[in-house]
Amino acid sequence: QVQLVESGGGLVQAGGSLRLSCAASGRTFNNYAMGWFRQAPGKEREFVAAIRWNTGRTNYADSVKGRFTISRDNAKKMVYLQMNSLKPEDPGVYSCAAGTPVYEQSRRGYAYWGQGTQVTVSS
């Protein structure tokens, strides 16, 4: 079993930055991908970024490339999402996910999900 707990959300002005954290506990994650997804009101949950736990290989949605950075700390079992240059279209509930997806940008294959943390961007 895997438990994921997100933190770091909040209210920020457009152009500002936030750093989200995801604390993972439970079984080992060597072959897992860790993903960040977001869901805005009335919209589908969408992929933001992913990182492979063992290789550190990253994957980003086109909408966040160059602005967001995903990273992990293996020793602490932490995954981070540094969000810079936040835009009015970035708000939502950001959730951390863990699993063995074939396609990292798909929600399928992520077996474990956190409760999410709210990100609000004011213009």
C-alpha atoms as a PDB file:
ATOM      1  CA  GLN A   1       0.000   0.000   0.000  1.00  0.00           C
ATOM      2  CA  VAL A   2       1.106   3.546  -0.763  1.00  0.00           C
ATOM      3  CA  GLN A   3       0.024   6.744   0.915  1.00  0.00           C
ATOM      4  CA  LEU A   4       0.486  10.141  -0.689  1.00  0.00           C
ATOM      5  CA  VAL A   5       0.041  13.478   1.040  1.00  0.00           C
ATOM      6  CA  GLU A   6       0.309  16.769  -0.832  1.00  0.00           C
ATOM      7  CA  SER A   7       1.087  20.170   0.594  1.00  0.00           C
ATOM      8  CA  GLY A   8       2.143  23.617  -0.542  1.00  0.00           C
ATOM      9  CA  GLY A   9      -0.920  24.866  -2.337  1.00  0.00           C
ATOM     10  CA  GLY A  10      -2.318  28.328  -1.796  1.00  0.00           C
ATOM     11  CA  LEU A  11      -3.172  31.655  -3.350  1.00  0.00           C
ATOM     12  CA  VAL A  12      -0.619  33.381  -5.548  1.00  0.00           C
ATOM     13  CA  GLN A  13      -0.685  36.258  -7.995  1.00  0.00           C
ATOM     14  CA  ALA A  14      -0.273  35.605 -11.679  1.00  0.00           C
ATOM     15  CA  GLY A  15       3.419  35.487 -12.466  1.00  0.00           C
ATOM     16  CA  GLY A  16       4.238  34.175  -9.021  1.00  0.00           C
ATOM     17  CA  SER A  17       5.568  30.831  -7.847  1.00  0.00           C
ATOM     18  CA  LEU A  18       4.536  27.961  -5.650  1.00  0.00           C
ATOM     19  CA  ARG A  19       6.235  24.734  -4.674  1.00  0.00           C
ATOM     20  CA  LEU A  20       4.087  21.690  -4.118  1.00  0.00           C
ATOM     21  CA  SER A  21       5.290  18.705  -2.141  1.00  0.00           C
ATOM     22  CA  CYS A  22       4.128  15.102  -2.100  1.00  0.00           C
ATOM     23  CA  ALA A  23       5.152  12.866   0.774  1.00  0.00           C
ATOM     24  CA  ALA A  24       5.056   9.187  -0.086  1.00  0.00           C
ATOM     25  CA  SER A  25       5.022   6.306   2.358  1.00  0.00           C
ATOM     26  CA  GLY A  26       4.454   2.614   2.229  1.00  0.00           C
ATOM     27  CA  ARG A  27       5.956   0.151  -0.183  1.00  0.00           C
ATOM     28  CA  THR A  28       9.083   0.876  -2.214  1.00  0.00           C
ATOM     29  CA  PHE A  29       8.768   2.819  -5.443  1.00  0.00           C
ATOM     30  CA  ASN A  30      11.794   1.867  -7.484  1.00  0.00           C
ATOM     31  CA  ASN A  31       9.856   1.063 -10.646  1.00  0.00           C
ATOM     32  CA  TYR A  32       7.119   3.634 -10.144  1.00  0.00           C
ATOM     33  CA  ALA A  33       6.298   6.825 -11.924  1.00  0.00           C
ATOM     34  CA  MET A  34       5.189   9.737  -9.783  1.00  0.00           C
ATOM     35  CA  GLY A  35       2.806  12.131 -11.426  1.00  0.00           C
ATOM     36  CA  TRP A  36       1.144  15.445 -10.784  1.00  0.00           C
ATOM     37  CA  PHE A  37      -2.338  16.014 -12.144  1.00  0.00           C
ATOM     38  CA  ARG A  38      -4.671  18.957 -11.747  1.00  0.00           C
ATOM     39  CA  GLN A  39      -8.393  19.447 -11.959  1.00  0.00           C
ATOM     40  CA  ALA A  40     -10.142  22.766 -12.362  1.00  0.00           C
ATOM     41  CA  PRO A  41     -13.857  23.162 -11.586  1.00  0.00           C
ATOM     42  CA  GLY A  42     -15.983  21.679 -14.328  1.00  0.00           C
ATOM     43  CA  LYS A  43     -13.005  20.222 -16.155  1.00  0.00           C
ATOM     44  CA  GLU A  44     -11.409  16.825 -16.493  1.00  0.00           C
ATOM     45  CA  ARG A  45      -8.383  15.969 -14.437  1.00  0.00           C
ATOM     46  CA  GLU A  46      -5.349  16.631 -16.590  1.00  0.00           C
ATOM     47  CA  PHE A  47      -1.739  15.590 -16.597  1.00  0.00           C
ATOM     48  CA  VAL A  48       0.839  18.126 -15.475  1.00  0.00           C
ATOM     49  CA  ALA A  49       4.156  16.328 -14.997  1.00  0.00           C
ATOM     50  CA  ALA A  50       5.687  12.973 -14.123  1.00  0.00           C
ATOM     51  CA  ILE A  51       9.008  11.612 -13.000  1.00  0.00           C
ATOM     52  CA  ARG A  52      10.356   8.080 -12.930  1.00  0.00           C
ATOM     53  CA  TRP A  53      11.475   7.195  -9.451  1.00  0.00           C
ATOM     54  CA  ASN A  54      14.520   5.145 -10.453  1.00  0.00           C
ATOM     55  CA  THR A  55      15.844   7.075 -13.468  1.00  0.00           C
ATOM     56  CA  GLY A  56      14.612  10.575 -12.756  1.00  0.00           C
ATOM     57  CA  ARG A  57      13.327  10.902 -16.300  1.00  0.00           C
ATOM     58  CA  THR A  58      10.708  13.630 -16.519  1.00  0.00           C
ATOM     59  CA  ASN A  59       7.683  14.289 -18.675  1.00  0.00           C
ATOM     60  CA  TYR A  60       5.644  17.497 -18.900  1.00  0.00           C
ATOM     61  CA  ALA A  61       2.404  18.681 -20.365  1.00  0.00           C
ATOM     62  CA  ASP A  62       3.024  21.195 -23.139  1.00  0.00           C
ATOM     63  CA  SER A  63       1.125  23.838 -21.191  1.00  0.00           C
ATOM     64  CA  VAL A  64       3.653  23.832 -18.344  1.00  0.00           C
ATOM     65  CA  LYS A  65       6.947  23.150 -20.116  1.00  0.00           C
ATOM     66  CA  GLY A  66       9.548  25.722 -19.217  1.00  0.00           C
ATOM     67  CA  ARG A  67       7.556  26.931 -16.206  1.00  0.00           C
ATOM     68  CA  PHE A  68       7.125  23.879 -13.978  1.00  0.00           C
ATOM     69  CA  THR A  69       9.800  21.508 -12.737  1.00  0.00           C
ATOM     70  CA  ILE A  70       9.182  18.120 -11.150  1.00  0.00           C
ATOM     71  CA  SER A  71      11.837  16.562  -8.949  1.00  0.00           C
ATOM     72  CA  ARG A  72      12.191  13.874  -6.334  1.00  0.00           C
ATOM     73  CA  ASP A  73      14.209  13.105  -3.249  1.00  0.00           C
ATOM     74  CA  ASN A  74      14.601   9.350  -3.059  1.00  0.00           C
ATOM     75  CA  ALA A  75      15.911   9.283   0.491  1.00  0.00           C
ATOM     76  CA  LYS A  76      13.006  11.314   1.823  1.00  0.00           C
ATOM     77  CA  LYS A  77      10.404   9.757  -0.499  1.00  0.00           C
ATOM     78  CA  MET A  78       9.339  13.216  -1.567  1.00  0.00           C
ATOM     79  CA  VAL A  79       8.232  14.530  -4.944  1.00  0.00           C
ATOM     80  CA  TYR A  80       8.111  18.239  -5.677  1.00  0.00           C
ATOM     81  CA  LEU A  81       6.511  20.439  -8.278  1.00  0.00           C
ATOM     82  CA  GLN A  82       8.084  23.856  -8.602  1.00  0.00           C
ATOM     83  CA  MET A  83       5.641  26.112 -10.404  1.00  0.00           C
ATOM     84  CA  ASN A  84       6.924  29.417 -11.763  1.00  0.00           C
ATOM     85  CA  SER A  85       5.295  32.095 -13.880  1.00  0.00           C
ATOM     86  CA  LEU A  86       1.856  30.920 -12.825  1.00  0.00           C
ATOM     87  CA  LYS A  87      -0.946  31.847 -15.173  1.00  0.00           C
ATOM     88  CA  PRO A  88      -4.692  32.340 -14.675  1.00  0.00           C
ATOM     89  CA  GLU A  89      -5.268  28.985 -16.406  1.00  0.00           C
ATOM     90  CA  ASP A  90      -3.142  27.058 -13.877  1.00  0.00           C
ATOM     91  CA  PRO A  91      -5.525  26.936 -10.883  1.00  0.00           C
ATOM     92  CA  GLY A  92      -7.059  23.711  -9.669  1.00  0.00           C
ATOM     93  CA  VAL A  93      -6.681  20.884  -7.225  1.00  0.00           C
ATOM     94  CA  TYR A  94      -3.250  19.420  -7.755  1.00  0.00           C
ATOM     95  CA  SER A  95      -2.942  15.748  -6.927  1.00  0.00           C
ATOM     96  CA  CYS A  96       0.051  13.513  -6.616  1.00  0.00           C
ATOM     97  CA  ALA A  97      -0.169  10.001  -8.041  1.00  0.00           C
ATOM     98  CA  ALA A  98       1.990   6.884  -8.021  1.00  0.00           C
ATOM     99  CA  GLY A  99       1.944   3.799 -10.156  1.00  0.00           C
ATOM    100  CA  THR A 100       3.291   2.000 -13.176  1.00  0.00           C
ATOM    101  CA  PRO A 101       1.565   3.660 -16.122  1.00  0.00           C
ATOM    102  CA  VAL A 102       2.339   2.687 -19.666  1.00  0.00           C
ATOM    103  CA  TYR A 103       1.652   6.253 -20.716  1.00  0.00           C
ATOM    104  CA  GLU A 104       2.640   8.680 -18.013  1.00  0.00           C
ATOM    105  CA  GLN A 105       0.215  11.321 -19.239  1.00  0.00           C
ATOM    106  CA  SER A 106      -2.749   9.003 -18.748  1.00  0.00           C
ATOM    107  CA  ARG A 107      -4.480   8.622 -15.404  1.00  0.00           C
ATOM    108  CA  ARG A 108      -4.691   4.895 -16.041  1.00  0.00           C
ATOM    109  CA  GLY A 109      -1.914   3.003 -14.394  1.00  0.00           C
ATOM    110  CA  TYR A 110      -1.626   5.328 -11.446  1.00  0.00           C
ATOM    111  CA  ALA A 111      -2.945   3.153  -8.657  1.00  0.00           C
ATOM    112  CA  TYR A 112      -2.435   5.536  -5.767  1.00  0.00           C
ATOM    113  CA  TRP A 113      -3.630   9.106  -5.389  1.00  0.00           C
ATOM    114  CA  GLY A 114      -3.343  11.778  -2.761  1.00  0.00           C
ATOM    115  CA  GLN A 115      -6.188  14.014  -1.613  1.00  0.00           C
ATOM    116  CA  GLY A 116      -4.877  17.018  -3.487  1.00  0.00           C
ATOM    117  CA  THR A 117      -3.937  20.574  -2.654  1.00  0.00           C
ATOM    118  CA  GLN A 118      -5.683  23.677  -3.962  1.00  0.00           C
ATOM    119  CA  VAL A 119      -3.833  26.182  -6.132  1.00  0.00           C
ATOM    120  CA  THR A 120      -5.470  29.526  -6.805  1.00  0.00           C
ATOM    121  CA  VAL A 121      -4.028  32.186  -9.090  1.00  0.00           C
ATOM    122  CA  SER A 122      -5.257  35.753  -8.917  1.00  0.00           C
ATOM    123  CA  SER A 123      -4.934  38.026 -11.917  1.00  0.00           C
END
